[in-house]
Amino acid sequence: MARGWESKAVEDQIQEAEERARRAAEPTLDESPEARARRERLETLRLSRSRTLDQLERATNRAHREMLGRTLRALETEIEELN
């Protein structure tokens, strides 16, 4: 049986939550405040990107899709700059 978009989105969210939990459990005692802030910003951007992609898949209005596309490009640019 083929999986629907919603099932895939839920699976992605579960995987992201597991990854966040794994990263949070890693020792970061030697991590500087700047590195921690950068890591947290990257995580926030990745979550925003995931949410934007999900909304883009469901959007039907042309103007809304264009706005989401611009948002996605901006998020991806910022993610690349931080990497």
N, C-alpha and C. Protein backbone atom coordinates (compact mmCIF):
# COMPACT_ATOMS: atom_id res chain seq x y z
N MET A 1 0.85 -1.16 0.00
CA MET A 1 0.00 0.00 0.00
C MET A 1 0.90 1.24 0.00
N ALA A 2 0.57 2.20 -0.83
CA ALA A 2 1.36 3.43 -0.91
C ALA A 2 1.10 4.31 0.30
N ARG A 3 2.16 4.94 0.75
CA ARG A 3 2.02 5.85 1.88
C ARG A 3 1.65 7.23 1.38
N GLY A 4 0.79 7.89 2.11
CA GLY A 4 0.36 9.23 1.74
C GLY A 4 1.35 10.28 2.21
N TRP A 5 1.15 11.51 1.74
CA TRP A 5 2.03 12.62 2.12
C TRP A 5 2.02 12.83 3.63
N GLU A 6 0.84 12.69 4.24
CA GLU A 6 0.75 12.93 5.68
C GLU A 6 1.57 11.93 6.46
N SER A 7 1.55 10.67 6.03
CA SER A 7 2.33 9.65 6.72
C SER A 7 3.83 9.96 6.63
N LYS A 8 4.26 10.41 5.46
CA LYS A 8 5.66 10.74 5.26
C LYS A 8 6.04 11.95 6.11
N ALA A 9 5.16 12.95 6.18
CA ALA A 9 5.45 14.14 6.98
C ALA A 9 5.56 13.77 8.46
N VAL A 10 4.69 12.90 8.93
CA VAL A 10 4.74 12.47 10.33
C VAL A 10 6.02 11.70 10.59
N GLU A 11 6.38 10.84 9.67
CA GLU A 11 7.61 10.07 9.81
C GLU A 11 8.83 11.01 9.86
N ASP A 12 8.85 12.02 8.99
CA ASP A 12 9.94 13.00 9.00
C ASP A 12 10.01 13.74 10.32
N GLN A 13 8.87 14.11 10.86
CA GLN A 13 8.84 14.82 12.14
C GLN A 13 9.37 13.95 13.27
N ILE A 14 9.02 12.68 13.24
CA ILE A 14 9.51 11.75 14.26
C ILE A 14 11.02 11.61 14.16
N GLN A 15 11.52 11.47 12.94
CA GLN A 15 12.96 11.34 12.75
C GLN A 15 13.69 12.61 13.21
N GLU A 16 13.13 13.78 12.90
CA GLU A 16 13.74 15.03 13.33
C GLU A 16 13.76 15.13 14.85
N ALA A 17 12.68 14.72 15.50
CA ALA A 17 12.63 14.76 16.96
C ALA A 17 13.66 13.82 17.56
N GLU A 18 13.81 12.64 16.98
CA GLU A 18 14.80 11.70 17.47
C GLU A 18 16.21 12.26 17.29
N GLU A 19 16.45 12.90 16.16
CA GLU A 19 17.76 13.50 15.90
C GLU A 19 18.05 14.63 16.89
N ARG A 20 17.05 15.46 17.17
CA ARG A 20 17.23 16.54 18.15
C ARG A 20 17.55 15.96 19.53
N ALA A 21 16.84 14.91 19.90
CA ALA A 21 17.06 14.28 21.21
C ALA A 21 18.47 13.70 21.28
N ARG A 22 18.91 13.09 20.20
CA ARG A 22 20.26 12.52 20.16
C ARG A 22 21.31 13.61 20.29
N ARG A 23 21.12 14.71 19.56
CA ARG A 23 22.09 15.82 19.62
C ARG A 23 22.07 16.47 21.00
N ALA A 24 20.90 16.57 21.60
CA ALA A 24 20.81 17.18 22.92
C ALA A 24 21.52 16.33 23.97
N ALA A 25 21.55 15.02 23.77
CA ALA A 25 22.18 14.11 24.72
C ALA A 25 23.71 14.08 24.58
N GLU A 26 24.22 14.57 23.45
CA GLU A 26 25.66 14.57 23.24
C GLU A 26 26.33 15.56 24.19
N PRO A 27 27.49 15.20 24.68
CA PRO A 27 28.18 16.14 25.58
C PRO A 27 28.66 17.37 24.81
N THR A 28 28.33 18.53 25.34
CA THR A 28 28.73 19.78 24.68
C THR A 28 29.38 20.72 25.69
N LEU A 29 30.07 20.15 26.65
CA LEU A 29 30.69 20.95 27.70
C LEU A 29 31.77 21.88 27.15
N ASP A 30 32.47 21.44 26.12
CA ASP A 30 33.54 22.25 25.56
C ASP A 30 33.04 23.19 24.46
N GLU A 31 31.75 23.21 24.23
CA GLU A 31 31.18 24.05 23.18
C GLU A 31 31.08 25.50 23.66
N SER A 32 31.56 26.41 22.83
CA SER A 32 31.52 27.82 23.20
C SER A 32 30.08 28.34 23.07
N PRO A 33 29.77 29.44 23.72
CA PRO A 33 28.43 30.01 23.60
C PRO A 33 28.09 30.37 22.15
N GLU A 34 29.08 30.83 21.39
CA GLU A 34 28.85 31.17 19.98
C GLU A 34 28.53 29.92 19.16
N ALA A 35 29.26 28.85 19.41
CA ALA A 35 29.02 27.60 18.68
C ALA A 35 27.65 27.04 19.03
N ARG A 36 27.28 27.13 20.30
CA ARG A 36 25.97 26.64 20.73
C ARG A 36 24.86 27.46 20.07
N ALA A 37 25.02 28.77 20.04
CA ALA A 37 24.02 29.64 19.41
C ALA A 37 23.90 29.34 17.92
N ARG A 38 25.04 29.09 17.26
CA ARG A 38 25.04 28.76 15.83
C ARG A 38 24.31 27.43 15.59
N ARG A 39 24.62 26.44 16.44
CA ARG A 39 23.97 25.12 16.30
C ARG A 39 22.46 25.23 16.51
N GLU A 40 22.07 25.99 17.53
CA GLU A 40 20.64 26.16 17.79
C GLU A 40 19.94 26.92 16.66
N ARG A 41 20.62 27.91 16.10
CA ARG A 41 20.04 28.67 14.97
C ARG A 41 19.87 27.75 13.77
N LEU A 42 20.88 26.91 13.50
CA LEU A 42 20.77 25.96 12.39
C LEU A 42 19.59 25.01 12.58
N GLU A 43 19.43 24.52 13.79
CA GLU A 43 18.31 23.62 14.07
C GLU A 43 16.97 24.32 13.85
N THR A 44 16.87 25.56 14.30
CA THR A 44 15.64 26.33 14.10
C THR A 44 15.36 26.53 12.62
N LEU A 45 16.40 26.87 11.87
CA LEU A 45 16.23 27.07 10.42
C LEU A 45 15.80 25.79 9.72
N ARG A 46 16.39 24.67 10.12
CA ARG A 46 16.02 23.39 9.51
C ARG A 46 14.57 23.01 9.82
N LEU A 47 14.14 23.28 11.02
CA LEU A 47 12.74 23.01 11.37
C LEU A 47 11.80 23.93 10.59
N SER A 48 12.17 25.18 10.45
CA SER A 48 11.36 26.11 9.67
C SER A 48 11.29 25.68 8.21
N ARG A 49 12.42 25.20 7.69
CA ARG A 49 12.45 24.72 6.30
C ARG A 49 11.52 23.52 6.13
N SER A 50 11.57 22.61 7.08
CA SER A 50 10.71 21.43 7.02
C SER A 50 9.23 21.84 7.05
N ARG A 51 8.89 22.75 7.94
CA ARG A 51 7.51 23.21 8.05
C ARG A 51 7.07 23.94 6.76
N THR A 52 7.97 24.74 6.18
CA THR A 52 7.66 25.46 4.95
C THR A 52 7.45 24.48 3.80
N LEU A 53 8.28 23.47 3.71
CA LEU A 53 8.11 22.45 2.67
C LEU A 53 6.76 21.75 2.80
N ASP A 54 6.39 21.43 4.03
CA ASP A 54 5.10 20.78 4.27
C ASP A 54 3.95 21.68 3.82
N GLN A 55 4.04 22.96 4.16
CA GLN A 55 2.99 23.91 3.75
C GLN A 55 2.96 24.07 2.24
N LEU A 56 4.13 24.07 1.62
CA LEU A 56 4.20 24.22 0.16
C LEU A 56 3.56 23.04 -0.55
N GLU A 57 3.72 21.85 -0.01
CA GLU A 57 3.10 20.66 -0.60
C GLU A 57 1.58 20.75 -0.58
N ARG A 58 1.03 21.42 0.43
CA ARG A 58 -0.42 21.48 0.58
C ARG A 58 -1.05 22.74 0.01
N ALA A 59 -0.23 23.76 -0.27
CA ALA A 59 -0.76 25.04 -0.72
C ALA A 59 -1.33 24.94 -2.14
N THR A 60 -2.46 25.59 -2.36
CA THR A 60 -3.08 25.58 -3.68
C THR A 60 -3.16 26.98 -4.30
N ASN A 61 -3.14 28.00 -3.48
CA ASN A 61 -3.22 29.37 -3.98
C ASN A 61 -1.86 29.79 -4.54
N ARG A 62 -1.86 30.33 -5.76
CA ARG A 62 -0.61 30.68 -6.44
C ARG A 62 0.22 31.68 -5.63
N ALA A 63 -0.42 32.73 -5.13
CA ALA A 63 0.30 33.75 -4.36
C ALA A 63 0.90 33.17 -3.08
N HIS A 64 0.17 32.28 -2.44
CA HIS A 64 0.68 31.64 -1.23
C HIS A 64 1.88 30.75 -1.55
N ARG A 65 1.79 30.00 -2.65
CA ARG A 65 2.89 29.14 -3.07
C ARG A 65 4.14 29.96 -3.38
N GLU A 66 3.95 31.11 -4.04
CA GLU A 66 5.09 31.98 -4.36
C GLU A 66 5.75 32.50 -3.09
N MET A 67 4.92 32.91 -2.13
CA MET A 67 5.44 33.41 -0.86
C MET A 67 6.22 32.31 -0.13
N LEU A 68 5.67 31.11 -0.13
CA LEU A 68 6.35 29.98 0.51
C LEU A 68 7.66 29.65 -0.21
N GLY A 69 7.65 29.78 -1.53
CA GLY A 69 8.88 29.54 -2.31
C GLY A 69 9.96 30.54 -1.95
N ARG A 70 9.59 31.81 -1.81
CA ARG A 70 10.55 32.84 -1.40
C ARG A 70 11.08 32.55 0.00
N THR A 71 10.18 32.15 0.88
CA THR A 71 10.58 31.82 2.25
C THR A 71 11.56 30.65 2.25
N LEU A 72 11.26 29.64 1.47
CA LEU A 72 12.12 28.46 1.39
C LEU A 72 13.51 28.84 0.89
N ARG A 73 13.58 29.66 -0.16
CA ARG A 73 14.87 30.08 -0.69
C ARG A 73 15.67 30.87 0.35
N ALA A 74 14.99 31.75 1.09
CA ALA A 74 15.67 32.53 2.13
C ALA A 74 16.21 31.63 3.24
N LEU A 75 15.42 30.65 3.65
CA LEU A 75 15.86 29.72 4.68
C LEU A 75 17.06 28.92 4.21
N GLU A 76 17.00 28.42 2.98
CA GLU A 76 18.11 27.62 2.45
C GLU A 76 19.37 28.45 2.31
N THR A 77 19.23 29.72 1.94
CA THR A 77 20.40 30.60 1.84
C THR A 77 21.05 30.78 3.21
N GLU A 78 20.23 31.04 4.22
CA GLU A 78 20.76 31.24 5.57
C GLU A 78 21.40 29.96 6.11
N ILE A 79 20.80 28.81 5.82
CA ILE A 79 21.37 27.53 6.26
C ILE A 79 22.73 27.34 5.63
N GLU A 80 22.85 27.63 4.33
CA GLU A 80 24.14 27.48 3.64
C GLU A 80 25.19 28.41 4.22
N GLU A 81 24.78 29.63 4.56
CA GLU A 81 25.72 30.60 5.13
C GLU A 81 26.25 30.12 6.48
N LEU A 82 25.42 29.47 7.26
CA LEU A 82 25.84 29.00 8.57
C LEU A 82 26.68 27.73 8.51
N ASN A 83 26.53 26.98 7.42
CA ASN A 83 27.31 25.73 7.27
C ASN A 83 28.69 25.98 6.82
